[in-house]
Amino acid sequence: MYLGGFVDAPKPLGYWLKHLHNLLDKQFDATLADVGLGRRHWQILNTLARGEATRDELTAALAPFLSPGEPDLDGVLEDVTARGWTRPGLPPEGNLLSLADEGRAAHADIAARVDATRAAVLKGLTPGQYAETVRILSVMAGNVEADLAAR
C-alpha cells in the first residue's frame, strides 16, 4: 500500500500500537506479579499518590488505559483498600479516597519497580526520540479526532 508519499512498512502502525499496548500490560503485570498486583493497582496507587480522588475521578483518570470489555476498577480498588493502602476522607468530603501510610510505602516500593520496567521499555532510545515519538502519536491522534468530529 502506498499513501501519498508514505512508504508501506512490513507491519502497519495499528499493529505496532496494539502490540506494544498488549506487551506493556504483560510487562507491568509480570513486574508486579510476585506481590499479587497488576498494572491497574499501580495506576490507582500512582493517581492517589498525587492527591485525594473519588471513585469516579479514579475511573475517569484510568479510563484511557482500560480495554473495551475490561471490568471496572471496583475489584482492583477493593483489593487496594483491603491491603490497608487507602483511607476514606473525613466528612463532608467522605467520598474522597487517599493513600494511607501503608499505601505510601507500597507506592514507593512499586514506583522503583515501575521505573526499572520503564527503563527496560525505553532502552536504546534517547530522550529526544521518545519525545518525538510521543509528539508524532499525539499529532496522529489529533488528526483522527478532527476527522471524526468533522463527520
N, C-alpha and C. Protein backbone atom coordinates (compact mmCIF):
# COMPACT_ATOMS: atom_id res chain seq x y z
N MET A 1 0.85 -1.19 0.00
CA MET A 1 0.00 0.00 0.00
C MET A 1 0.89 1.24 0.00
N TYR A 2 0.48 2.22 -0.73
CA TYR A 2 1.21 3.48 -0.83
C TYR A 2 0.25 4.61 -0.50
N LEU A 3 0.61 5.44 0.45
CA LEU A 3 -0.27 6.51 0.90
C LEU A 3 0.39 7.87 0.72
N GLY A 4 0.18 8.47 -0.41
CA GLY A 4 0.64 9.84 -0.64
C GLY A 4 2.06 10.11 -0.21
N GLY A 5 3.00 9.27 -0.56
CA GLY A 5 4.38 9.50 -0.19
C GLY A 5 4.85 8.73 1.02
N PHE A 6 3.94 8.10 1.74
CA PHE A 6 4.32 7.30 2.89
C PHE A 6 4.62 5.88 2.42
N VAL A 7 5.80 5.40 2.72
CA VAL A 7 6.21 4.08 2.29
C VAL A 7 5.57 3.05 3.23
N ASP A 8 5.08 2.00 2.64
CA ASP A 8 4.47 0.93 3.42
C ASP A 8 5.55 0.21 4.23
N ALA A 9 5.28 -0.01 5.48
CA ALA A 9 6.17 -0.77 6.35
C ALA A 9 5.70 -2.22 6.38
N PRO A 10 6.59 -3.14 6.78
CA PRO A 10 6.19 -4.55 6.83
C PRO A 10 4.95 -4.78 7.71
N LYS A 11 4.83 -4.02 8.78
CA LYS A 11 3.65 -4.09 9.64
C LYS A 11 3.15 -2.66 9.84
N PRO A 12 1.85 -2.46 9.77
CA PRO A 12 1.32 -1.09 9.86
C PRO A 12 1.34 -0.54 11.29
N LEU A 13 1.14 0.74 11.36
CA LEU A 13 1.13 1.45 12.64
C LEU A 13 0.18 0.82 13.64
N GLY A 14 -1.03 0.50 13.19
CA GLY A 14 -2.03 -0.08 14.09
C GLY A 14 -1.55 -1.36 14.74
N TYR A 15 -0.84 -2.17 13.98
CA TYR A 15 -0.29 -3.41 14.54
C TYR A 15 0.65 -3.08 15.70
N TRP A 16 1.59 -2.15 15.46
CA TRP A 16 2.58 -1.84 16.49
C TRP A 16 1.96 -1.18 17.71
N LEU A 17 0.94 -0.34 17.50
CA LEU A 17 0.28 0.29 18.64
C LEU A 17 -0.39 -0.76 19.53
N LYS A 18 -1.14 -1.65 18.91
CA LYS A 18 -1.85 -2.69 19.66
C LYS A 18 -0.86 -3.67 20.30
N HIS A 19 0.15 -4.05 19.54
CA HIS A 19 1.16 -4.98 20.04
C HIS A 19 1.89 -4.39 21.25
N LEU A 20 2.32 -3.15 21.14
CA LEU A 20 3.01 -2.50 22.24
C LEU A 20 2.09 -2.36 23.45
N HIS A 21 0.86 -1.97 23.24
CA HIS A 21 -0.11 -1.85 24.35
C HIS A 21 -0.23 -3.18 25.09
N ASN A 22 -0.40 -4.26 24.35
CA ASN A 22 -0.53 -5.58 24.98
C ASN A 22 0.74 -5.98 25.71
N LEU A 23 1.89 -5.71 25.10
CA LEU A 23 3.16 -6.03 25.75
C LEU A 23 3.36 -5.22 27.03
N LEU A 24 2.99 -3.95 27.01
CA LEU A 24 3.13 -3.12 28.21
C LEU A 24 2.27 -3.66 29.34
N ASP A 25 1.04 -4.06 29.04
CA ASP A 25 0.19 -4.66 30.07
C ASP A 25 0.85 -5.91 30.64
N LYS A 26 1.35 -6.78 29.77
CA LYS A 26 2.01 -8.01 30.23
C LYS A 26 3.27 -7.70 31.04
N GLN A 27 4.05 -6.73 30.58
CA GLN A 27 5.29 -6.37 31.27
C GLN A 27 5.00 -5.83 32.67
N PHE A 28 4.02 -4.95 32.78
CA PHE A 28 3.69 -4.41 34.10
C PHE A 28 3.12 -5.50 35.00
N ASP A 29 2.29 -6.37 34.45
CA ASP A 29 1.75 -7.46 35.25
C ASP A 29 2.87 -8.39 35.72
N ALA A 30 3.85 -8.68 34.85
CA ALA A 30 4.97 -9.53 35.24
C ALA A 30 5.84 -8.84 36.30
N THR A 31 5.99 -7.54 36.18
CA THR A 31 6.79 -6.78 37.14
C THR A 31 6.19 -6.84 38.54
N LEU A 32 4.86 -6.90 38.61
CA LEU A 32 4.18 -6.82 39.90
C LEU A 32 3.56 -8.14 40.35
N ALA A 33 3.71 -9.19 39.55
CA ALA A 33 3.03 -10.46 39.83
C ALA A 33 3.44 -11.07 41.17
N ASP A 34 4.70 -10.96 41.55
CA ASP A 34 5.15 -11.61 42.78
C ASP A 34 4.55 -10.99 44.04
N VAL A 35 3.98 -9.82 43.91
CA VAL A 35 3.29 -9.20 45.05
C VAL A 35 1.77 -9.16 44.83
N GLY A 36 1.32 -9.92 43.83
CA GLY A 36 -0.12 -10.06 43.59
C GLY A 36 -0.80 -8.81 43.08
N LEU A 37 -0.07 -8.00 42.33
CA LEU A 37 -0.62 -6.75 41.80
C LEU A 37 -0.55 -6.76 40.28
N GLY A 38 -1.35 -5.88 39.67
CA GLY A 38 -1.32 -5.68 38.23
C GLY A 38 -1.15 -4.21 37.92
N ARG A 39 -1.15 -3.90 36.64
CA ARG A 39 -0.95 -2.52 36.19
C ARG A 39 -2.01 -1.58 36.76
N ARG A 40 -3.25 -2.04 36.84
CA ARG A 40 -4.32 -1.18 37.36
C ARG A 40 -4.09 -0.83 38.83
N HIS A 41 -3.53 -1.77 39.62
CA HIS A 41 -3.20 -1.46 41.01
C HIS A 41 -2.22 -0.28 41.05
N TRP A 42 -1.18 -0.40 40.20
CA TRP A 42 -0.19 0.67 40.14
C TRP A 42 -0.84 1.99 39.76
N GLN A 43 -1.70 1.97 38.77
CA GLN A 43 -2.31 3.20 38.30
C GLN A 43 -3.16 3.85 39.39
N ILE A 44 -3.87 3.05 40.17
CA ILE A 44 -4.65 3.60 41.27
C ILE A 44 -3.73 4.20 42.32
N LEU A 45 -2.70 3.45 42.73
CA LEU A 45 -1.77 3.98 43.72
C LEU A 45 -1.09 5.25 43.23
N ASN A 46 -0.68 5.26 42.00
CA ASN A 46 0.03 6.42 41.46
C ASN A 46 -0.90 7.63 41.36
N THR A 47 -2.15 7.40 41.00
CA THR A 47 -3.11 8.51 40.95
C THR A 47 -3.36 9.07 42.34
N LEU A 48 -3.56 8.19 43.31
CA LEU A 48 -3.81 8.66 44.68
C LEU A 48 -2.57 9.27 45.31
N ALA A 49 -1.38 8.90 44.84
CA ALA A 49 -0.15 9.50 45.37
C ALA A 49 -0.09 10.98 45.03
N ARG A 50 -0.80 11.38 43.98
CA ARG A 50 -0.82 12.80 43.57
C ARG A 50 -1.84 13.60 44.38
N GLY A 51 -2.77 12.90 45.04
CA GLY A 51 -3.77 13.59 45.84
C GLY A 51 -5.06 12.80 45.95
N GLU A 52 -5.94 13.26 46.81
CA GLU A 52 -7.22 12.58 47.02
C GLU A 52 -8.04 12.52 45.73
N ALA A 53 -8.88 11.48 45.66
CA ALA A 53 -9.75 11.34 44.48
C ALA A 53 -10.97 10.52 44.86
N THR A 54 -12.07 10.79 44.20
CA THR A 54 -13.27 9.96 44.38
C THR A 54 -13.15 8.74 43.47
N ARG A 55 -14.03 7.77 43.66
CA ARG A 55 -14.05 6.60 42.77
C ARG A 55 -14.28 7.06 41.33
N ASP A 56 -15.21 8.00 41.15
CA ASP A 56 -15.50 8.49 39.80
C ASP A 56 -14.27 9.16 39.18
N GLU A 57 -13.53 9.92 39.97
CA GLU A 57 -12.32 10.57 39.46
C GLU A 57 -11.25 9.54 39.10
N LEU A 58 -11.13 8.49 39.93
CA LEU A 58 -10.18 7.42 39.61
C LEU A 58 -10.57 6.73 38.31
N THR A 59 -11.86 6.44 38.16
CA THR A 59 -12.34 5.79 36.94
C THR A 59 -12.06 6.66 35.72
N ALA A 60 -12.31 7.95 35.84
CA ALA A 60 -12.06 8.87 34.72
C ALA A 60 -10.57 8.96 34.41
N ALA A 61 -9.73 8.99 35.44
CA ALA A 61 -8.29 9.10 35.23
C ALA A 61 -7.72 7.86 34.54
N LEU A 62 -8.28 6.70 34.85
CA LEU A 62 -7.76 5.45 34.29
C LEU A 62 -8.50 4.99 33.04
N ALA A 63 -9.60 5.64 32.70
CA ALA A 63 -10.40 5.22 31.54
C ALA A 63 -9.60 5.08 30.25
N PRO A 64 -8.67 6.00 29.95
CA PRO A 64 -7.92 5.85 28.69
C PRO A 64 -7.07 4.59 28.63
N PHE A 65 -6.79 3.97 29.77
CA PHE A 65 -5.92 2.80 29.81
C PHE A 65 -6.69 1.49 29.81
N LEU A 66 -8.02 1.57 29.97
CA LEU A 66 -8.82 0.35 30.05
C LEU A 66 -9.19 -0.13 28.66
N SER A 67 -9.11 -1.42 28.47
CA SER A 67 -9.50 -2.02 27.20
C SER A 67 -11.00 -2.23 27.18
N PRO A 68 -11.61 -2.19 26.00
CA PRO A 68 -13.04 -2.47 25.91
C PRO A 68 -13.34 -3.85 26.51
N GLY A 69 -14.39 -3.90 27.31
CA GLY A 69 -14.77 -5.14 27.95
C GLY A 69 -14.02 -5.44 29.23
N GLU A 70 -13.00 -4.64 29.54
CA GLU A 70 -12.26 -4.84 30.79
C GLU A 70 -13.18 -4.43 31.94
N PRO A 71 -13.18 -5.20 33.02
CA PRO A 71 -14.06 -4.85 34.14
C PRO A 71 -13.70 -3.48 34.71
N ASP A 72 -14.66 -2.89 35.41
CA ASP A 72 -14.37 -1.59 36.01
C ASP A 72 -13.34 -1.76 37.12
N LEU A 73 -12.99 -0.68 37.72
CA LEU A 73 -11.90 -0.68 38.69
C LEU A 73 -12.32 -1.08 40.10
N ASP A 74 -13.60 -1.34 40.33
CA ASP A 74 -14.07 -1.61 41.68
C ASP A 74 -13.31 -2.76 42.34
N GLY A 75 -13.10 -3.87 41.60
CA GLY A 75 -12.40 -5.01 42.18
C GLY A 75 -10.98 -4.68 42.56
N VAL A 76 -10.30 -3.94 41.70
CA VAL A 76 -8.91 -3.55 41.98
C VAL A 76 -8.89 -2.58 43.15
N LEU A 77 -9.80 -1.64 43.18
CA LEU A 77 -9.86 -0.68 44.28
C LEU A 77 -10.18 -1.38 45.60
N GLU A 78 -11.07 -2.36 45.55
CA GLU A 78 -11.38 -3.14 46.77
C GLU A 78 -10.13 -3.85 47.27
N ASP A 79 -9.33 -4.39 46.36
CA ASP A 79 -8.09 -5.07 46.76
C ASP A 79 -7.11 -4.08 47.38
N VAL A 80 -6.95 -2.93 46.77
CA VAL A 80 -6.05 -1.90 47.30
C VAL A 80 -6.52 -1.48 48.70
N THR A 81 -7.82 -1.33 48.86
CA THR A 81 -8.38 -0.94 50.16
C THR A 81 -8.19 -2.04 51.20
N ALA A 82 -8.43 -3.30 50.77
CA ALA A 82 -8.28 -4.44 51.69
C ALA A 82 -6.84 -4.58 52.19
N ARG A 83 -5.89 -4.13 51.40
CA ARG A 83 -4.48 -4.17 51.81
C ARG A 83 -4.14 -3.06 52.81
N GLY A 84 -5.12 -2.18 53.07
CA GLY A 84 -4.90 -1.09 54.00
C GLY A 84 -4.16 0.08 53.38
N TRP A 85 -4.18 0.17 52.06
CA TRP A 85 -3.42 1.21 51.38
C TRP A 85 -4.19 2.49 51.17
N THR A 86 -5.51 2.47 51.34
CA THR A 86 -6.30 3.70 51.19
C THR A 86 -7.07 3.97 52.47
N ARG A 87 -7.49 5.19 52.58
CA ARG A 87 -8.38 5.57 53.69
C ARG A 87 -9.40 6.55 53.13
N PRO A 88 -10.61 6.46 53.65
CA PRO A 88 -11.64 7.40 53.20
C PRO A 88 -11.38 8.78 53.78
N GLY A 89 -11.88 9.78 53.08
CA GLY A 89 -11.79 11.14 53.58
C GLY A 89 -12.77 11.37 54.72
N LEU A 90 -12.59 12.45 55.42
CA LEU A 90 -13.47 12.81 56.52
C LEU A 90 -14.63 13.66 56.00
N PRO A 91 -15.79 13.61 56.65
CA PRO A 91 -16.90 14.46 56.22
C PRO A 91 -16.48 15.92 56.21
N PRO A 92 -17.02 16.75 55.34
CA PRO A 92 -18.08 16.47 54.38
C PRO A 92 -17.58 15.85 53.08
N GLU A 93 -16.27 15.66 52.91
CA GLU A 93 -15.74 15.08 51.68
C GLU A 93 -15.52 13.58 51.84
N GLY A 94 -16.39 12.89 52.53
CA GLY A 94 -16.21 11.49 52.86
C GLY A 94 -16.08 10.56 51.67
N ASN A 95 -16.46 11.02 50.49
CA ASN A 95 -16.34 10.15 49.31
C ASN A 95 -14.96 10.19 48.69
N LEU A 96 -14.06 10.99 49.26
CA LEU A 96 -12.69 11.06 48.74
C LEU A 96 -11.84 9.95 49.33
N LEU A 97 -10.97 9.39 48.49
CA LEU A 97 -10.01 8.39 48.94
C LEU A 97 -8.62 9.00 48.91
N SER A 98 -7.80 8.56 49.83
CA SER A 98 -6.40 8.99 49.83
C SER A 98 -5.55 7.81 50.25
N LEU A 99 -4.24 7.93 50.09
CA LEU A 99 -3.34 6.86 50.49
C LEU A 99 -3.09 6.91 51.99
N ALA A 100 -3.17 5.75 52.61
CA ALA A 100 -2.77 5.61 54.00
C ALA A 100 -1.25 5.52 54.02
N ASP A 101 -0.65 5.55 55.20
CA ASP A 101 0.80 5.44 55.29
C ASP A 101 1.30 4.16 54.62
N GLU A 102 0.58 3.06 54.83
CA GLU A 102 0.96 1.78 54.20
C GLU A 102 0.89 1.89 52.67
N GLY A 103 -0.08 2.65 52.18
CA GLY A 103 -0.21 2.87 50.75
C GLY A 103 0.93 3.69 50.19
N ARG A 104 1.37 4.67 50.94
CA ARG A 104 2.51 5.50 50.50
C ARG A 104 3.78 4.65 50.45
N ALA A 105 3.95 3.78 51.44
CA ALA A 105 5.12 2.89 51.44
C ALA A 105 5.06 1.92 50.25
N ALA A 106 3.88 1.37 50.02
CA ALA A 106 3.70 0.44 48.88
C ALA A 106 3.96 1.18 47.57
N HIS A 107 3.46 2.41 47.47
CA HIS A 107 3.67 3.20 46.25
C HIS A 107 5.16 3.40 46.00
N ALA A 108 5.92 3.73 47.03
CA ALA A 108 7.36 3.96 46.87
C ALA A 108 8.05 2.69 46.39
N ASP A 109 7.70 1.54 46.97
CA ASP A 109 8.31 0.27 46.56
C ASP A 109 7.95 -0.06 45.11
N ILE A 110 6.68 0.07 44.78
CA ILE A 110 6.22 -0.27 43.44
C ILE A 110 6.76 0.73 42.42
N ALA A 111 6.90 1.99 42.80
CA ALA A 111 7.44 3.01 41.89
C ALA A 111 8.85 2.63 41.44
N ALA A 112 9.65 2.08 42.35
CA ALA A 112 11.00 1.65 41.98
C ALA A 112 10.95 0.54 40.94
N ARG A 113 10.02 -0.40 41.10
CA ARG A 113 9.86 -1.49 40.12
C ARG A 113 9.39 -0.93 38.77
N VAL A 114 8.44 -0.02 38.82
CA VAL A 114 7.89 0.56 37.59
C VAL A 114 8.97 1.36 36.87
N ASP A 115 9.78 2.10 37.61
CA ASP A 115 10.87 2.85 36.98
C ASP A 115 11.83 1.91 36.25
N ALA A 116 12.14 0.76 36.85
CA ALA A 116 13.03 -0.21 36.21
C ALA A 116 12.37 -0.78 34.95
N THR A 117 11.07 -1.02 35.02
CA THR A 117 10.34 -1.53 33.85
C THR A 117 10.34 -0.49 32.74
N ARG A 118 10.09 0.75 33.08
CA ARG A 118 10.10 1.82 32.07
C ARG A 118 11.47 1.96 31.43
N ALA A 119 12.52 1.82 32.24
CA ALA A 119 13.88 1.91 31.69
C ALA A 119 14.11 0.80 30.67
N ALA A 120 13.60 -0.40 30.96
CA ALA A 120 13.75 -1.52 30.01
C ALA A 120 12.98 -1.24 28.72
N VAL A 121 11.80 -0.67 28.84
CA VAL A 121 10.99 -0.35 27.67
C VAL A 121 11.68 0.70 26.80
N LEU A 122 12.32 1.66 27.41
CA LEU A 122 12.93 2.78 26.68
C LEU A 122 14.38 2.55 26.30
N LYS A 123 14.92 1.37 26.61
CA LYS A 123 16.31 1.05 26.31
C LYS A 123 16.59 1.29 24.83
N GLY A 124 17.68 1.99 24.54
CA GLY A 124 18.08 2.25 23.16
C GLY A 124 17.48 3.51 22.57
N LEU A 125 16.59 4.17 23.30
CA LEU A 125 16.00 5.43 22.83
C LEU A 125 16.63 6.60 23.57
N THR A 126 16.82 7.69 22.86
CA THR A 126 17.25 8.92 23.52
C THR A 126 16.01 9.64 24.05
N PRO A 127 16.17 10.53 25.01
CA PRO A 127 15.01 11.32 25.44
C PRO A 127 14.36 12.05 24.28
N GLY A 128 15.15 12.54 23.34
CA GLY A 128 14.60 13.24 22.18
C GLY A 128 13.77 12.32 21.29
N GLN A 129 14.25 11.09 21.09
CA GLN A 129 13.49 10.13 20.28
C GLN A 129 12.16 9.79 20.95
N TYR A 130 12.19 9.61 22.25
CA TYR A 130 10.95 9.33 22.97
C TYR A 130 9.98 10.50 22.84
N ALA A 131 10.48 11.70 23.07
CA ALA A 131 9.63 12.89 22.97
C ALA A 131 9.05 13.04 21.56
N GLU A 132 9.85 12.78 20.55
CA GLU A 132 9.38 12.89 19.16
C GLU A 132 8.33 11.82 18.86
N THR A 133 8.53 10.62 19.37
CA THR A 133 7.54 9.54 19.17
C THR A 133 6.20 9.94 19.78
N VAL A 134 6.25 10.44 21.00
CA VAL A 134 5.01 10.87 21.67
C VAL A 134 4.37 12.02 20.90
N ARG A 135 5.20 12.96 20.44
CA ARG A 135 4.66 14.09 19.67
C ARG A 135 3.98 13.61 18.40
N ILE A 136 4.60 12.71 17.68
CA ILE A 136 4.03 12.20 16.43
C ILE A 136 2.72 11.47 16.69
N LEU A 137 2.70 10.63 17.70
CA LEU A 137 1.46 9.91 18.03
C LEU A 137 0.35 10.88 18.44
N SER A 138 0.72 11.93 19.14
CA SER A 138 -0.25 12.95 19.54
C SER A 138 -0.84 13.65 18.31
N VAL A 139 0.01 13.98 17.36
CA VAL A 139 -0.46 14.62 16.12
C VAL A 139 -1.40 13.69 15.38
N MET A 140 -1.03 12.43 15.27
CA MET A 140 -1.88 11.47 14.56
C MET A 140 -3.22 11.30 15.26
N ALA A 141 -3.21 11.23 16.59
CA ALA A 141 -4.46 11.12 17.34
C ALA A 141 -5.32 12.36 17.11
N GLY A 142 -4.70 13.54 17.12
CA GLY A 142 -5.44 14.77 16.86
C GLY A 142 -6.04 14.79 15.47
N ASN A 143 -5.30 14.27 14.49
CA ASN A 143 -5.83 14.20 13.13
C ASN A 143 -7.07 13.32 13.05
N VAL A 144 -7.01 12.17 13.71
CA VAL A 144 -8.17 11.25 13.70
C VAL A 144 -9.34 11.87 14.44
N GLU A 145 -9.08 12.50 15.58
CA GLU A 145 -10.15 13.15 16.33
C GLU A 145 -10.83 14.23 15.48
N ALA A 146 -10.03 15.04 14.81
CA ALA A 146 -10.58 16.10 13.96
C ALA A 146 -11.40 15.51 12.82
N ASP A 147 -10.90 14.44 12.21
CA ASP A 147 -11.63 13.81 11.12
C ASP A 147 -12.95 13.23 11.61
N LEU A 148 -12.93 12.58 12.75
CA LEU A 148 -14.17 12.02 13.30
C LEU A 148 -15.18 13.12 13.65
N ALA A 149 -14.67 14.21 14.20
CA ALA A 149 -15.56 15.32 14.57
C ALA A 149 -16.19 15.97 13.35
N ALA A 150 -15.49 15.92 12.23
CA ALA A 150 -15.99 16.54 11.01
C ALA A 150 -17.05 15.69 10.30
N ARG A 151 -17.24 14.49 10.72
CA ARG A 151 -18.20 13.58 10.05
C ARG A 151 -19.60 13.80 10.54
